[in-house]
N, C-alpha and C. Protein backbone atom coordinates (compact mmCIF):
# COMPACT_ATOMS: atom_id res chain seq x y z
N MET A 1 6.68 2.34 12.09
CA MET A 1 5.82 1.34 11.30
C MET A 1 4.66 0.92 10.82
N CYS A 2 4.40 0.47 9.79
CA CYS A 2 3.41 -0.32 9.51
C CYS A 2 2.91 -1.46 10.24
N PRO A 3 1.89 -1.53 10.77
CA PRO A 3 1.61 -2.91 11.91
C PRO A 3 1.15 -3.92 11.47
N ALA A 4 -0.19 -3.76 10.66
CA ALA A 4 -0.87 -4.56 9.79
C ALA A 4 0.02 -5.65 8.97
N LYS A 5 -0.48 -6.87 9.18
CA LYS A 5 0.24 -8.20 8.58
C LYS A 5 -1.15 -8.89 8.02
N ALA A 6 -2.49 -8.63 8.52
CA ALA A 6 -2.99 -9.50 7.48
C ALA A 6 -3.33 -9.01 6.14
N GLU A 7 -4.74 -9.70 5.22
CA GLU A 7 -4.73 -9.31 4.20
C GLU A 7 -6.05 -8.82 3.65
N LYS A 8 -6.78 -8.28 4.73
CA LYS A 8 -8.14 -7.51 4.65
C LYS A 8 -7.94 -6.52 6.16
N ILE A 9 -8.70 -5.01 5.45
CA ILE A 9 -8.81 -4.23 6.85
C ILE A 9 -9.93 -4.63 7.82
N ASP A 10 -9.41 -4.42 8.96
CA ASP A 10 -10.13 -4.90 10.05
C ASP A 10 -10.55 -3.54 10.29
N VAL A 11 -12.01 -3.28 10.19
CA VAL A 11 -12.65 -2.00 10.61
C VAL A 11 -12.66 -1.63 12.29
N TYR A 12 -12.55 -2.76 12.81
CA TYR A 12 -12.74 -2.69 14.31
C TYR A 12 -11.98 -2.63 15.04
N SER A 13 -10.60 -2.04 14.41
CA SER A 13 -9.35 -2.39 14.89
C SER A 13 -9.10 -1.01 15.49
N ALA A 14 -8.09 -0.51 16.35
CA ALA A 14 -7.52 0.55 16.70
C ALA A 14 -6.56 1.30 15.84
N ILE A 15 -6.30 0.12 15.18
CA ILE A 15 -5.32 0.75 14.11
C ILE A 15 -5.46 1.68 12.97
N PRO A 16 -5.23 2.81 12.13
CA PRO A 16 -6.26 3.10 11.24
C PRO A 16 -5.83 2.39 9.79
N ALA A 17 -7.14 2.42 9.33
CA ALA A 17 -7.35 1.85 7.72
C ALA A 17 -6.08 1.56 7.43
N TYR A 18 -5.27 3.21 7.03
CA TYR A 18 -4.49 3.51 5.95
C TYR A 18 -3.33 3.00 6.84
N ALA A 19 -3.02 2.55 7.76
CA ALA A 19 -1.79 1.79 8.16
C ALA A 19 -2.01 0.31 7.77
N GLN A 20 -3.44 0.18 8.33
CA GLN A 20 -3.55 -1.41 8.01
C GLN A 20 -2.71 -1.75 6.43
N LEU A 21 -3.64 -0.94 5.46
CA LEU A 21 -3.20 -0.83 3.95
C LEU A 21 -2.03 -1.00 3.64
N ALA A 22 -0.95 0.22 4.60
CA ALA A 22 0.34 0.20 4.37
C ALA A 22 1.02 -1.08 4.82
N GLY A 23 0.63 -1.17 6.02
CA GLY A 23 1.07 -2.73 6.05
C GLY A 23 0.99 -3.95 5.53
N ILE A 24 -0.07 -3.79 4.62
CA ILE A 24 -0.61 -5.02 4.06
C ILE A 24 0.60 -4.90 2.60
N LEU A 25 0.50 -3.67 2.00
CA LEU A 25 1.32 -3.50 0.80
C LEU A 25 3.07 -3.37 1.12
N ARG A 26 3.08 -3.12 2.29
CA ARG A 26 4.63 -3.62 2.84
C ARG A 26 5.02 -5.08 2.77
N GLU A 27 3.99 -5.91 3.21
CA GLU A 27 4.26 -6.96 3.38
C GLU A 27 4.14 -8.19 1.89
N GLN A 28 3.24 -7.65 1.20
CA GLN A 28 3.61 -7.95 -0.22
C GLN A 28 4.79 -7.47 -1.01
N ILE A 29 5.27 -6.51 -0.90
CA ILE A 29 6.64 -6.09 -1.28
C ILE A 29 7.70 -6.71 -0.68
N GLU A 30 7.62 -6.96 0.43
CA GLU A 30 8.57 -7.77 1.06
C GLU A 30 8.69 -9.07 1.19
N ASN A 31 7.51 -10.02 0.54
CA ASN A 31 7.37 -11.05 0.27
C ASN A 31 7.41 -11.58 -1.47
N GLY A 32 7.99 -10.35 -1.81
CA GLY A 32 7.99 -10.61 -3.59
C GLY A 32 6.84 -10.76 -4.39
N ARG A 33 5.10 -10.95 -3.46
CA ARG A 33 4.33 -10.67 -4.41
C ARG A 33 4.10 -9.73 -5.31
N ILE A 34 4.56 -8.51 -4.96
CA ILE A 34 4.70 -7.36 -5.45
C ILE A 34 6.12 -7.44 -6.01
N ARG A 35 6.88 -7.70 -6.99
CA ARG A 35 8.46 -7.26 -7.08
C ARG A 35 8.92 -5.96 -7.79
N SER A 36 10.14 -6.24 -7.37
CA SER A 36 10.77 -4.79 -7.38
C SER A 36 10.57 -4.12 -8.88
N GLY A 37 10.53 -3.12 -9.13
CA GLY A 37 10.36 -2.73 -10.50
C GLY A 37 8.78 -2.72 -10.99
N ASN A 38 8.23 -3.33 -9.97
CA ASN A 38 6.55 -3.54 -10.94
C ASN A 38 5.50 -2.19 -10.24
N PRO A 39 4.79 -2.16 -11.12
CA PRO A 39 3.54 -1.18 -10.24
C PRO A 39 2.55 -1.85 -9.10
N ILE A 40 2.62 -1.10 -7.91
CA ILE A 40 1.61 -1.44 -7.30
C ILE A 40 0.27 -1.23 -7.95
N PRO A 41 -0.91 -2.38 -7.38
CA PRO A 41 -2.00 -1.97 -7.69
C PRO A 41 -2.61 -0.61 -8.18
N SER A 42 -3.79 -0.12 -8.95
CA SER A 42 -3.86 1.48 -8.89
C SER A 42 -4.87 1.93 -7.52
N GLU A 43 -5.05 3.07 -7.40
CA GLU A 43 -5.92 3.82 -6.25
C GLU A 43 -7.21 2.98 -6.88
N THR A 44 -7.79 2.63 -7.38
CA THR A 44 -9.30 2.37 -7.84
C THR A 44 -9.16 0.49 -7.49
N THR A 45 -8.10 0.15 -7.83
CA THR A 45 -8.43 -1.06 -7.78
C THR A 45 -7.80 -1.22 -6.23
N LEU A 46 -7.31 -0.64 -5.20
CA LEU A 46 -6.92 -0.78 -4.28
C LEU A 46 -8.57 -0.58 -3.40
N GLN A 47 -9.15 0.65 -3.57
CA GLN A 47 -10.41 0.99 -3.17
C GLN A 47 -11.18 -0.21 -3.54
N GLN A 48 -11.16 -0.99 -4.48
CA GLN A 48 -12.50 -1.98 -4.62
C GLN A 48 -11.79 -3.17 -3.55
N GLU A 49 -10.99 -3.48 -3.78
CA GLU A 49 -10.23 -4.52 -3.24
C GLU A 49 -10.11 -4.52 -1.58
N TYR A 50 -10.04 -3.57 -1.33
CA TYR A 50 -10.18 -3.38 0.49
C TYR A 50 -10.94 -2.57 1.30
N GLY A 51 -11.82 -2.01 0.06
CA GLY A 51 -13.30 -1.03 0.62
C GLY A 51 -12.84 0.02 1.33
N VAL A 52 -11.98 0.37 1.14
CA VAL A 52 -11.48 1.81 2.14
C VAL A 52 -11.61 3.03 0.87
N SER A 53 -11.45 4.31 0.97
CA SER A 53 -11.66 5.55 0.48
C SER A 53 -10.32 5.68 -0.28
N ARG A 54 -10.41 6.61 -1.33
CA ARG A 54 -9.19 7.09 -1.91
C ARG A 54 -8.41 7.77 -1.27
N GLY A 55 -8.69 8.73 -0.11
CA GLY A 55 -7.97 9.41 0.79
C GLY A 55 -7.00 8.49 1.71
N THR A 56 -7.71 7.30 1.90
CA THR A 56 -6.86 5.97 3.02
C THR A 56 -5.69 5.82 2.13
N VAL A 57 -6.32 5.19 0.96
CA VAL A 57 -5.05 4.40 -0.34
C VAL A 57 -4.47 5.45 -0.60
N ARG A 58 -4.56 6.93 -0.92
CA ARG A 58 -3.31 7.69 -0.91
C ARG A 58 -2.54 7.67 0.17
N ARG A 59 -3.06 7.78 1.49
CA ARG A 59 -2.45 7.86 2.56
C ARG A 59 -1.29 6.71 2.89
N ALA A 60 -1.76 5.32 2.68
CA ALA A 60 -1.05 4.33 2.76
C ALA A 60 0.03 4.47 1.59
N ILE A 61 -0.07 5.19 0.54
CA ILE A 61 0.86 4.81 -0.65
C ILE A 61 1.77 5.96 -0.22
N GLU A 62 1.26 7.03 0.30
CA GLU A 62 2.30 8.12 0.78
C GLU A 62 3.46 7.39 2.10
N VAL A 63 2.83 6.83 2.96
CA VAL A 63 3.41 5.98 4.28
C VAL A 63 4.27 5.02 3.62
N ILE A 64 4.24 4.28 2.48
CA ILE A 64 5.22 3.26 2.13
C ILE A 64 6.42 3.85 1.43
N ARG A 65 5.94 5.24 0.59
CA ARG A 65 6.99 6.17 0.03
C ARG A 65 7.76 6.60 0.68
N ASP A 66 7.36 7.20 2.04
CA ASP A 66 7.83 7.88 3.31
C ASP A 66 9.16 6.57 3.57
N HIS A 67 8.84 5.33 3.85
CA HIS A 67 9.82 4.42 3.64
C HIS A 67 10.57 3.67 2.87
N GLY A 68 10.35 4.36 1.93
CA GLY A 68 11.41 3.84 0.80
C GLY A 68 11.15 3.02 -0.05
N LEU A 69 9.95 2.27 -0.03
CA LEU A 69 9.82 1.06 -0.94
C LEU A 69 9.13 0.92 -1.97
N VAL A 70 8.59 2.64 -2.35
CA VAL A 70 7.93 2.48 -3.60
C VAL A 70 8.35 4.17 -3.89
N VAL A 71 8.21 4.29 -5.57
CA VAL A 71 8.31 5.80 -5.59
C VAL A 71 7.17 5.98 -6.77
N THR A 72 6.63 7.38 -6.63
CA THR A 72 5.65 7.29 -8.05
C THR A 72 6.14 8.32 -8.83
N VAL A 73 5.69 7.53 -10.02
CA VAL A 73 5.87 8.86 -11.58
C VAL A 73 4.50 9.36 -12.03
N GLN A 74 4.49 10.25 -11.83
CA GLN A 74 3.51 11.55 -12.33
C GLN A 74 2.87 10.88 -13.94
N GLY A 75 1.61 10.32 -13.76
CA GLY A 75 1.00 9.99 -14.97
C GLY A 75 1.12 8.58 -15.55
N ARG A 76 2.44 8.04 -14.44
CA ARG A 76 2.50 6.31 -14.84
C ARG A 76 2.01 5.36 -13.93
N GLY A 77 2.24 5.81 -12.48
CA GLY A 77 1.99 5.15 -11.63
C GLY A 77 2.77 5.06 -10.46
N THR A 78 2.67 4.20 -9.47
CA THR A 78 3.48 3.93 -8.57
C THR A 78 4.25 2.72 -8.15
N PHE A 79 5.29 2.77 -8.05
CA PHE A 79 6.28 1.34 -8.53
C PHE A 79 7.09 0.70 -7.50
N VAL A 80 7.03 -0.41 -6.78
CA VAL A 80 8.15 -0.65 -5.73
C VAL A 80 9.84 -0.40 -6.32
N ARG A 81 9.95 0.55 -5.40
CA ARG A 81 11.54 0.58 -5.88
C ARG A 81 12.85 -0.50 -5.77
N PRO A 82 13.54 -0.36 -7.12
CA PRO A 82 14.76 -1.25 -7.41
C PRO A 82 15.12 -1.77 -5.92
N GLU A 83 15.95 -2.56 -6.07
CA GLU A 83 16.79 -3.00 -5.02
C GLU A 83 18.28 -2.68 -5.02
């Protein structure tokens, strides 16, 4: 599971940055900040907002995709899976 509950990445945490970001995105989806059927922020936006690398963002998205929270459509983006 994704352990992070904060809205920013703690660079001093033992929890990897990708897991923290996955936790943030999961929380935003579960709380309705990112609604069902809507896209999550782009990789570039997430990189800039959380100060992480592209690889970190991609791994975080992979984690939430593996948990069935989002679906990625090539050329369009990653969307919250409809309920």
